[in-house]
Amino acid sequence: MKRTAPRRKATRPRRKTTSAAARDRRTSAKRKPRARAMIHIKRVYDPPASGDGMRILIDRLWPRGLSKAALKLDLWIKDLAPSHALRRWYGHQPERFAEFRRRYLAELAPLREKLDELRAAVHGRTVTLLTATRELDLSHATVLRQVLARRGRTET
């Protein structure tokens, strides 16, 4: 009997070899952690969703008709809510929102340490800011989200 050499499998052509530095650059680019936080705003009366992430109540007063178990929140930060006088003055009147925003930012300016702590807590995470207000676009939640999204100081 005649002996034959085993058949070789068809192989793909070899890729060009790259330097170790080029390989490291490629793999490190894939592994970069997400630095920006996704900050959503939601009413406390909306049901919790799986994509909410960390749920933070940002109102000074507890919302009416809700138990603490039903709300399913992770933090309640009363100190960063607008003052009682500012909240009453504003009354969610759309024509007063620009002035409300300016006054609210002025109230937040001395609370820089608390804002920095909150920024550190939400860094790179999905966060939902909870409020009882009906008009989310005209509430303090939108102003606070903008402040948290910025890395620097609050503007006055």
N, C-alpha and C. Protein backbone atom coordinates (compact mmCIF):
# COMPACT_ATOMS: atom_id res chain seq x y z
N MET A 1 0.80 -1.18 0.00
CA MET A 1 0.00 0.00 0.00
C MET A 1 0.85 1.25 0.00
N LYS A 2 0.34 2.18 -0.67
CA LYS A 2 1.06 3.43 -0.80
C LYS A 2 0.61 4.38 0.31
N ARG A 3 1.54 4.94 1.00
CA ARG A 3 1.23 5.89 2.06
C ARG A 3 1.15 7.29 1.50
N THR A 4 0.09 7.98 1.92
CA THR A 4 -0.06 9.36 1.47
C THR A 4 -0.02 10.28 2.69
N ALA A 5 0.39 11.45 2.46
CA ALA A 5 0.46 12.45 3.54
C ALA A 5 -0.97 12.88 3.88
N PRO A 6 -1.23 13.15 5.16
CA PRO A 6 -2.57 13.58 5.54
C PRO A 6 -2.92 14.91 4.86
N ARG A 7 -4.17 15.05 4.56
CA ARG A 7 -4.61 16.27 3.91
C ARG A 7 -4.58 17.44 4.89
N ARG A 8 -4.19 18.55 4.38
CA ARG A 8 -4.20 19.75 5.20
C ARG A 8 -5.50 20.49 4.97
N LYS A 9 -6.04 21.06 6.08
CA LYS A 9 -7.25 21.86 5.96
C LYS A 9 -6.91 23.18 5.29
N ALA A 10 -7.88 23.67 4.55
CA ALA A 10 -7.69 24.98 3.93
C ALA A 10 -7.70 26.02 5.04
N THR A 11 -6.72 26.84 5.06
CA THR A 11 -6.63 27.86 6.11
C THR A 11 -6.80 29.23 5.50
N ARG A 12 -7.21 30.13 6.34
CA ARG A 12 -7.33 31.51 5.90
C ARG A 12 -5.95 32.10 5.77
N PRO A 13 -5.83 33.06 4.90
CA PRO A 13 -4.52 33.70 4.82
C PRO A 13 -4.22 34.44 6.12
N ARG A 14 -3.00 34.38 6.53
CA ARG A 14 -2.60 35.02 7.78
C ARG A 14 -2.70 36.53 7.66
N ARG A 15 -3.18 37.11 8.79
CA ARG A 15 -3.25 38.57 8.81
C ARG A 15 -1.88 39.13 9.09
N LYS A 16 -1.75 40.34 8.69
CA LYS A 16 -0.50 41.04 8.94
C LYS A 16 -0.31 41.20 10.44
N THR A 17 0.84 40.93 10.92
CA THR A 17 1.08 41.09 12.35
C THR A 17 1.22 42.57 12.67
N THR A 18 0.69 42.92 13.83
CA THR A 18 0.76 44.31 14.25
C THR A 18 1.63 44.40 15.49
N SER A 19 2.06 45.58 15.76
CA SER A 19 2.91 45.77 16.92
C SER A 19 2.08 45.63 18.20
N ALA A 20 2.75 45.40 19.29
CA ALA A 20 2.07 45.26 20.58
C ALA A 20 1.40 46.57 20.97
N ALA A 21 2.01 47.68 20.64
CA ALA A 21 1.42 48.98 20.98
C ALA A 21 0.10 49.19 20.23
N ALA A 22 0.05 48.78 18.97
CA ALA A 22 -1.18 48.92 18.19
C ALA A 22 -2.28 48.03 18.75
N ARG A 23 -1.92 46.82 19.16
CA ARG A 23 -2.91 45.92 19.76
C ARG A 23 -3.44 46.49 21.07
N ASP A 24 -2.57 47.08 21.88
CA ASP A 24 -2.99 47.68 23.15
C ASP A 24 -3.93 48.85 22.92
N ARG A 25 -3.64 49.66 21.91
CA ARG A 25 -4.51 50.78 21.61
C ARG A 25 -5.90 50.30 21.22
N ARG A 26 -5.97 49.25 20.41
CA ARG A 26 -7.26 48.72 19.99
C ARG A 26 -8.05 48.16 21.15
N THR A 27 -7.42 47.41 22.01
CA THR A 27 -8.16 46.80 23.13
C THR A 27 -8.52 47.82 24.19
N SER A 28 -7.65 48.83 24.41
CA SER A 28 -7.99 49.83 25.44
C SER A 28 -9.13 50.72 24.97
N ALA A 29 -9.24 50.94 23.66
CA ALA A 29 -10.34 51.75 23.15
C ALA A 29 -11.67 51.04 23.35
N LYS A 30 -11.68 49.74 23.31
CA LYS A 30 -12.91 48.98 23.49
C LYS A 30 -13.33 48.94 24.96
N ARG A 31 -12.41 49.04 25.85
CA ARG A 31 -12.69 48.84 27.27
C ARG A 31 -12.91 50.13 28.04
N LYS A 32 -12.96 51.26 27.37
CA LYS A 32 -13.13 52.51 28.09
C LYS A 32 -14.49 52.54 28.76
N PRO A 33 -14.55 52.86 30.05
CA PRO A 33 -15.84 52.93 30.72
C PRO A 33 -16.61 54.16 30.28
N ARG A 34 -17.91 54.06 30.36
CA ARG A 34 -18.77 55.18 30.01
C ARG A 34 -18.70 56.23 31.11
N ALA A 35 -18.27 57.42 30.78
CA ALA A 35 -18.06 58.44 31.80
C ALA A 35 -19.31 59.28 32.04
N ARG A 36 -20.15 59.43 31.06
CA ARG A 36 -21.32 60.29 31.19
C ARG A 36 -22.48 59.52 31.79
N ALA A 37 -23.18 60.18 32.67
CA ALA A 37 -24.35 59.57 33.28
C ALA A 37 -25.58 59.85 32.42
N MET A 38 -26.49 58.90 32.37
CA MET A 38 -27.78 59.09 31.72
C MET A 38 -28.74 59.52 32.81
N ILE A 39 -29.23 60.74 32.73
CA ILE A 39 -30.11 61.27 33.77
C ILE A 39 -31.50 61.48 33.17
N HIS A 40 -32.45 60.73 33.68
CA HIS A 40 -33.83 60.83 33.23
C HIS A 40 -34.65 61.55 34.29
N ILE A 41 -35.79 62.08 33.88
CA ILE A 41 -36.73 62.72 34.81
C ILE A 41 -38.06 62.01 34.68
N LYS A 42 -38.67 61.73 35.83
CA LYS A 42 -39.92 60.99 35.83
C LYS A 42 -40.79 61.47 36.98
N ARG A 43 -42.09 61.38 36.80
CA ARG A 43 -42.99 61.69 37.90
C ARG A 43 -43.01 60.54 38.89
N VAL A 44 -43.19 60.84 40.15
CA VAL A 44 -43.20 59.80 41.18
C VAL A 44 -44.42 58.89 41.02
N TYR A 45 -45.46 59.38 40.36
CA TYR A 45 -46.68 58.60 40.20
C TYR A 45 -46.61 57.63 39.03
N ASP A 46 -45.57 57.72 38.20
CA ASP A 46 -45.36 56.75 37.13
C ASP A 46 -44.77 55.48 37.74
N PRO A 47 -45.14 54.32 37.21
CA PRO A 47 -44.61 53.07 37.78
C PRO A 47 -43.11 52.93 37.53
N PRO A 48 -42.38 52.31 38.46
CA PRO A 48 -40.94 52.11 38.26
C PRO A 48 -40.69 51.19 37.06
N ALA A 49 -39.61 51.45 36.35
CA ALA A 49 -39.23 50.63 35.21
C ALA A 49 -37.87 50.01 35.47
N SER A 50 -37.57 48.96 34.74
CA SER A 50 -36.29 48.28 34.95
C SER A 50 -35.11 49.14 34.50
N GLY A 51 -35.31 50.05 33.56
CA GLY A 51 -34.23 50.90 33.07
C GLY A 51 -34.05 52.19 33.83
N ASP A 52 -34.74 52.35 34.96
CA ASP A 52 -34.63 53.58 35.73
C ASP A 52 -33.26 53.77 36.37
N GLY A 53 -32.60 52.71 36.71
CA GLY A 53 -31.32 52.82 37.40
C GLY A 53 -31.52 53.31 38.82
N MET A 54 -30.66 54.20 39.25
CA MET A 54 -30.75 54.77 40.60
C MET A 54 -31.89 55.78 40.63
N ARG A 55 -32.84 55.60 41.55
CA ARG A 55 -34.02 56.47 41.63
C ARG A 55 -33.83 57.44 42.80
N ILE A 56 -33.87 58.76 42.48
CA ILE A 56 -33.61 59.80 43.48
C ILE A 56 -34.79 60.76 43.52
N LEU A 57 -35.41 60.89 44.69
CA LEU A 57 -36.47 61.86 44.89
C LEU A 57 -35.83 63.21 45.18
N ILE A 58 -36.23 64.24 44.43
CA ILE A 58 -35.58 65.55 44.57
C ILE A 58 -36.55 66.62 45.03
N ASP A 59 -37.68 66.23 45.59
CA ASP A 59 -38.65 67.19 46.12
C ASP A 59 -38.41 67.40 47.62
N ARG A 60 -38.74 68.58 48.09
CA ARG A 60 -38.58 68.88 49.51
C ARG A 60 -39.66 68.18 50.34
N LEU A 61 -40.86 68.03 49.77
CA LEU A 61 -41.98 67.41 50.47
C LEU A 61 -42.22 66.00 49.92
N TRP A 62 -42.69 65.12 50.81
CA TRP A 62 -43.02 63.76 50.37
C TRP A 62 -44.28 63.82 49.50
N PRO A 63 -44.31 63.10 48.37
CA PRO A 63 -45.48 63.16 47.49
C PRO A 63 -46.73 62.58 48.14
N ARG A 64 -47.86 63.21 47.88
CA ARG A 64 -49.12 62.78 48.48
C ARG A 64 -49.56 61.43 47.96
N GLY A 65 -50.09 60.63 48.87
CA GLY A 65 -50.72 59.38 48.50
C GLY A 65 -49.79 58.25 48.17
N LEU A 66 -48.50 58.37 48.42
CA LEU A 66 -47.55 57.30 48.11
C LEU A 66 -46.85 56.82 49.37
N SER A 67 -46.75 55.51 49.48
CA SER A 67 -45.98 54.96 50.59
C SER A 67 -44.52 54.85 50.18
N LYS A 68 -43.66 54.74 51.15
CA LYS A 68 -42.23 54.62 50.84
C LYS A 68 -41.92 53.33 50.10
N ALA A 69 -42.66 52.27 50.39
CA ALA A 69 -42.43 51.01 49.70
C ALA A 69 -42.88 51.09 48.25
N ALA A 70 -43.94 51.80 47.97
CA ALA A 70 -44.46 51.89 46.60
C ALA A 70 -43.55 52.73 45.71
N LEU A 71 -42.86 53.69 46.28
CA LEU A 71 -42.02 54.58 45.48
C LEU A 71 -40.73 53.92 45.01
N LYS A 72 -40.19 53.01 45.77
CA LYS A 72 -38.96 52.29 45.41
C LYS A 72 -37.84 53.23 45.01
N LEU A 73 -37.42 54.06 45.95
CA LEU A 73 -36.34 55.00 45.65
C LEU A 73 -35.07 54.62 46.38
N ASP A 74 -33.96 55.12 45.87
CA ASP A 74 -32.65 54.85 46.46
C ASP A 74 -32.17 56.01 47.34
N LEU A 75 -32.54 57.23 46.98
CA LEU A 75 -32.12 58.42 47.73
C LEU A 75 -33.26 59.43 47.76
N TRP A 76 -33.28 60.22 48.83
CA TRP A 76 -34.20 61.36 48.89
C TRP A 76 -33.36 62.55 49.29
N ILE A 77 -33.20 63.48 48.38
CA ILE A 77 -32.35 64.65 48.61
C ILE A 77 -33.25 65.88 48.70
N LYS A 78 -33.56 66.25 49.94
CA LYS A 78 -34.43 67.41 50.17
C LYS A 78 -33.69 68.73 50.00
N ASP A 79 -32.41 68.72 50.34
CA ASP A 79 -31.65 69.97 50.39
C ASP A 79 -31.44 70.62 49.04
N LEU A 80 -31.50 69.85 47.96
CA LEU A 80 -31.27 70.41 46.63
C LEU A 80 -32.56 70.86 45.96
N ALA A 81 -33.68 70.72 46.64
CA ALA A 81 -34.96 71.19 46.10
C ALA A 81 -35.07 72.70 46.29
N PRO A 82 -35.89 73.37 45.49
CA PRO A 82 -36.06 74.81 45.68
C PRO A 82 -36.67 75.12 47.04
N SER A 83 -36.38 76.28 47.56
CA SER A 83 -36.92 76.68 48.85
C SER A 83 -38.44 76.81 48.77
N HIS A 84 -39.06 76.77 49.92
CA HIS A 84 -40.53 76.88 49.98
C HIS A 84 -41.00 78.20 49.37
N ALA A 85 -40.31 79.29 49.69
CA ALA A 85 -40.70 80.61 49.16
C ALA A 85 -40.57 80.66 47.64
N LEU A 86 -39.49 80.11 47.10
CA LEU A 86 -39.30 80.12 45.65
C LEU A 86 -40.33 79.24 44.96
N ARG A 87 -40.59 78.09 45.52
CA ARG A 87 -41.58 77.18 44.95
C ARG A 87 -42.97 77.82 44.91
N ARG A 88 -43.34 78.49 46.00
CA ARG A 88 -44.65 79.15 46.05
C ARG A 88 -44.71 80.33 45.09
N TRP A 89 -43.63 81.12 45.00
CA TRP A 89 -43.62 82.25 44.08
C TRP A 89 -43.78 81.78 42.63
N TYR A 90 -43.05 80.71 42.27
CA TYR A 90 -43.07 80.22 40.89
C TYR A 90 -44.45 79.70 40.49
N GLY A 91 -45.04 78.82 41.26
CA GLY A 91 -46.37 78.31 40.99
C GLY A 91 -46.51 77.64 39.64
N HIS A 92 -45.44 77.24 39.02
CA HIS A 92 -45.41 76.57 37.71
C HIS A 92 -46.07 77.40 36.62
N GLN A 93 -45.87 78.68 36.68
CA GLN A 93 -46.35 79.56 35.63
C GLN A 93 -45.26 79.66 34.56
N PRO A 94 -45.55 79.22 33.34
CA PRO A 94 -44.52 79.14 32.30
C PRO A 94 -43.78 80.45 32.05
N GLU A 95 -44.45 81.58 32.17
CA GLU A 95 -43.78 82.86 31.91
C GLU A 95 -42.76 83.21 32.99
N ARG A 96 -42.81 82.56 34.14
CA ARG A 96 -41.86 82.83 35.22
C ARG A 96 -40.69 81.84 35.25
N PHE A 97 -40.65 80.89 34.31
CA PHE A 97 -39.64 79.83 34.39
C PHE A 97 -38.21 80.36 34.29
N ALA A 98 -37.95 81.29 33.40
CA ALA A 98 -36.58 81.82 33.25
C ALA A 98 -36.09 82.46 34.55
N GLU A 99 -36.95 83.23 35.19
CA GLU A 99 -36.58 83.85 36.46
C GLU A 99 -36.47 82.81 37.56
N PHE A 100 -37.35 81.81 37.54
CA PHE A 100 -37.26 80.71 38.51
C PHE A 100 -35.93 79.99 38.37
N ARG A 101 -35.55 79.72 37.14
CA ARG A 101 -34.28 79.02 36.89
C ARG A 101 -33.11 79.83 37.45
N ARG A 102 -33.11 81.13 37.22
CA ARG A 102 -32.02 81.98 37.71
C ARG A 102 -31.98 81.97 39.23
N ARG A 103 -33.14 82.09 39.88
CA ARG A 103 -33.18 82.11 41.35
C ARG A 103 -32.82 80.75 41.93
N TYR A 104 -33.25 79.69 41.28
CA TYR A 104 -32.94 78.34 41.76
C TYR A 104 -31.44 78.06 41.65
N LEU A 105 -30.82 78.48 40.58
CA LEU A 105 -29.37 78.32 40.45
C LEU A 105 -28.64 79.12 41.51
N ALA A 106 -29.18 80.28 41.86
CA ALA A 106 -28.58 81.08 42.94
C ALA A 106 -28.70 80.35 44.28
N GLU A 107 -29.81 79.63 44.49
CA GLU A 107 -29.96 78.84 45.72
C GLU A 107 -29.02 77.65 45.73
N LEU A 108 -28.72 77.09 44.57
CA LEU A 108 -27.84 75.93 44.50
C LEU A 108 -26.36 76.29 44.64
N ALA A 109 -26.01 77.53 44.35
CA ALA A 109 -24.60 77.94 44.37
C ALA A 109 -23.90 77.65 45.71
N PRO A 110 -24.48 77.96 46.87
CA PRO A 110 -23.78 77.64 48.12
C PRO A 110 -23.79 76.14 48.47
N LEU A 111 -24.55 75.36 47.74
CA LEU A 111 -24.63 73.91 48.02
C LEU A 111 -23.71 73.11 47.11
N ARG A 112 -22.60 73.70 46.74
CA ARG A 112 -21.67 73.06 45.81
C ARG A 112 -21.17 71.71 46.30
N GLU A 113 -20.89 71.58 47.61
CA GLU A 113 -20.40 70.31 48.14
C GLU A 113 -21.42 69.21 47.98
N LYS A 114 -22.69 69.51 48.27
CA LYS A 114 -23.74 68.50 48.12
C LYS A 114 -23.93 68.13 46.66
N LEU A 115 -23.82 69.11 45.77
CA LEU A 115 -23.92 68.82 44.34
C LEU A 115 -22.77 67.94 43.87
N ASP A 116 -21.57 68.21 44.38
CA ASP A 116 -20.42 67.38 44.02
C ASP A 116 -20.58 65.95 44.53
N GLU A 117 -21.13 65.79 45.73
CA GLU A 117 -21.38 64.45 46.26
C GLU A 117 -22.39 63.71 45.38
N LEU A 118 -23.43 64.42 44.98
CA LEU A 118 -24.44 63.80 44.12
C LEU A 118 -23.85 63.48 42.75
N ARG A 119 -23.03 64.38 42.21
CA ARG A 119 -22.38 64.10 40.92
C ARG A 119 -21.52 62.85 41.02
N ALA A 120 -20.80 62.71 42.12
CA ALA A 120 -19.95 61.53 42.30
C ALA A 120 -20.79 60.26 42.41
N ALA A 121 -21.94 60.36 43.06
CA ALA A 121 -22.81 59.19 43.22
C ALA A 121 -23.43 58.74 41.90
N VAL A 122 -23.70 59.69 41.00
CA VAL A 122 -24.36 59.34 39.74
C VAL A 122 -23.38 59.19 38.58
N HIS A 123 -22.11 59.42 38.80
CA HIS A 123 -21.11 59.39 37.73
C HIS A 123 -21.12 58.05 36.99
N GLY A 124 -21.41 58.11 35.69
CA GLY A 124 -21.37 56.92 34.86
C GLY A 124 -22.53 55.97 35.05
N ARG A 125 -23.56 56.38 35.75
CA ARG A 125 -24.70 55.50 36.03
C ARG A 125 -25.96 56.04 35.34
N THR A 126 -26.93 55.17 35.24
CA THR A 126 -28.25 55.60 34.81
C THR A 126 -29.01 56.03 36.05
N VAL A 127 -29.58 57.24 36.00
CA VAL A 127 -30.24 57.83 37.15
C VAL A 127 -31.59 58.38 36.71
N THR A 128 -32.58 58.23 37.58
CA THR A 128 -33.88 58.83 37.35
C THR A 128 -34.19 59.78 38.49
N LEU A 129 -34.37 61.06 38.15
CA LEU A 129 -34.76 62.06 39.14
C LEU A 129 -36.28 62.04 39.23
N LEU A 130 -36.79 61.87 40.44
CA LEU A 130 -38.24 61.76 40.65
C LEU A 130 -38.78 63.03 41.26
N THR A 131 -39.89 63.49 40.72
CA THR A 131 -40.55 64.68 41.23
C THR A 131 -42.05 64.50 41.09
N ALA A 132 -42.81 65.23 41.90
CA ALA A 132 -44.27 65.12 41.87
C ALA A 132 -44.90 66.14 40.93
N THR A 133 -44.12 67.03 40.36
CA THR A 133 -44.69 68.07 39.51
C THR A 133 -45.29 67.50 38.23
N ARG A 134 -46.30 68.17 37.72
CA ARG A 134 -46.98 67.70 36.51
C ARG A 134 -46.22 68.08 35.25
N GLU A 135 -45.70 69.29 35.22
CA GLU A 135 -44.97 69.79 34.04
C GLU A 135 -43.47 69.55 34.24
N LEU A 136 -42.98 68.45 33.71
CA LEU A 136 -41.57 68.11 33.92
C LEU A 136 -40.63 69.10 33.24
N ASP A 137 -41.02 69.61 32.08
CA ASP A 137 -40.15 70.55 31.37
C ASP A 137 -40.03 71.90 32.07
N LEU A 138 -41.00 72.22 32.89
CA LEU A 138 -41.00 73.51 33.59
C LEU A 138 -40.73 73.34 35.08
N SER A 139 -40.04 72.30 35.45
CA SER A 139 -39.80 72.02 36.88
C SER A 139 -38.34 72.20 37.25
N HIS A 140 -38.08 72.13 38.53
CA HIS A 140 -36.70 72.23 39.02
C HIS A 140 -35.89 71.01 38.62
N ALA A 141 -36.56 69.92 38.26
CA ALA A 141 -35.86 68.70 37.86
C ALA A 141 -35.03 68.92 36.59
N THR A 142 -35.56 69.67 35.63
CA THR A 142 -34.79 69.93 34.42
C THR A 142 -33.57 70.79 34.71
N VAL A 143 -33.72 71.75 35.59
CA VAL A 143 -32.59 72.61 35.96
C VAL A 143 -31.53 71.78 36.69
N LEU A 144 -31.96 70.94 37.61
CA LEU A 144 -31.01 70.11 38.37
C LEU A 144 -30.31 69.11 37.45
N ARG A 145 -31.03 68.56 36.48
CA ARG A 145 -30.40 67.63 35.53
C ARG A 145 -29.31 68.35 34.75
N GLN A 146 -29.56 69.58 34.31
CA GLN A 146 -28.55 70.34 33.58
C GLN A 146 -27.34 70.62 34.46
N VAL A 147 -27.58 70.94 35.72
CA VAL A 147 -26.48 71.21 36.65
C VAL A 147 -25.64 69.95 36.87
N LEU A 148 -26.31 68.80 37.03
CA LEU A 148 -25.58 67.55 37.25
C LEU A 148 -24.82 67.11 36.01
N ALA A 149 -25.36 67.41 34.85
CA ALA A 149 -24.71 67.00 33.61
C ALA A 149 -23.43 67.79 33.35
N ARG A 150 -23.42 69.04 33.82
CA ARG A 150 -22.20 69.84 33.68
C ARG A 150 -21.19 69.40 34.72
N ARG A 151 -19.95 69.48 34.35
CA ARG A 151 -18.90 69.06 35.28
C ARG A 151 -18.44 70.19 36.18
N GLY A 152 -18.62 71.40 35.76
CA GLY A 152 -18.11 72.55 36.51
C GLY A 152 -19.08 73.03 37.57
N ARG A 153 -19.03 74.32 37.80
CA ARG A 153 -19.86 74.93 38.85
C ARG A 153 -21.25 75.26 38.32
N THR A 154 -22.09 75.63 39.26
CA THR A 154 -23.41 76.10 38.85
C THR A 154 -23.27 77.53 38.39
N GLU A 155 -24.06 77.90 37.40
CA GLU A 155 -23.99 79.27 36.92
C GLU A 155 -24.96 80.12 37.68
N THR A 156 -24.67 81.39 37.78
CA THR A 156 -25.58 82.28 38.48
C THR A 156 -26.08 83.37 37.57
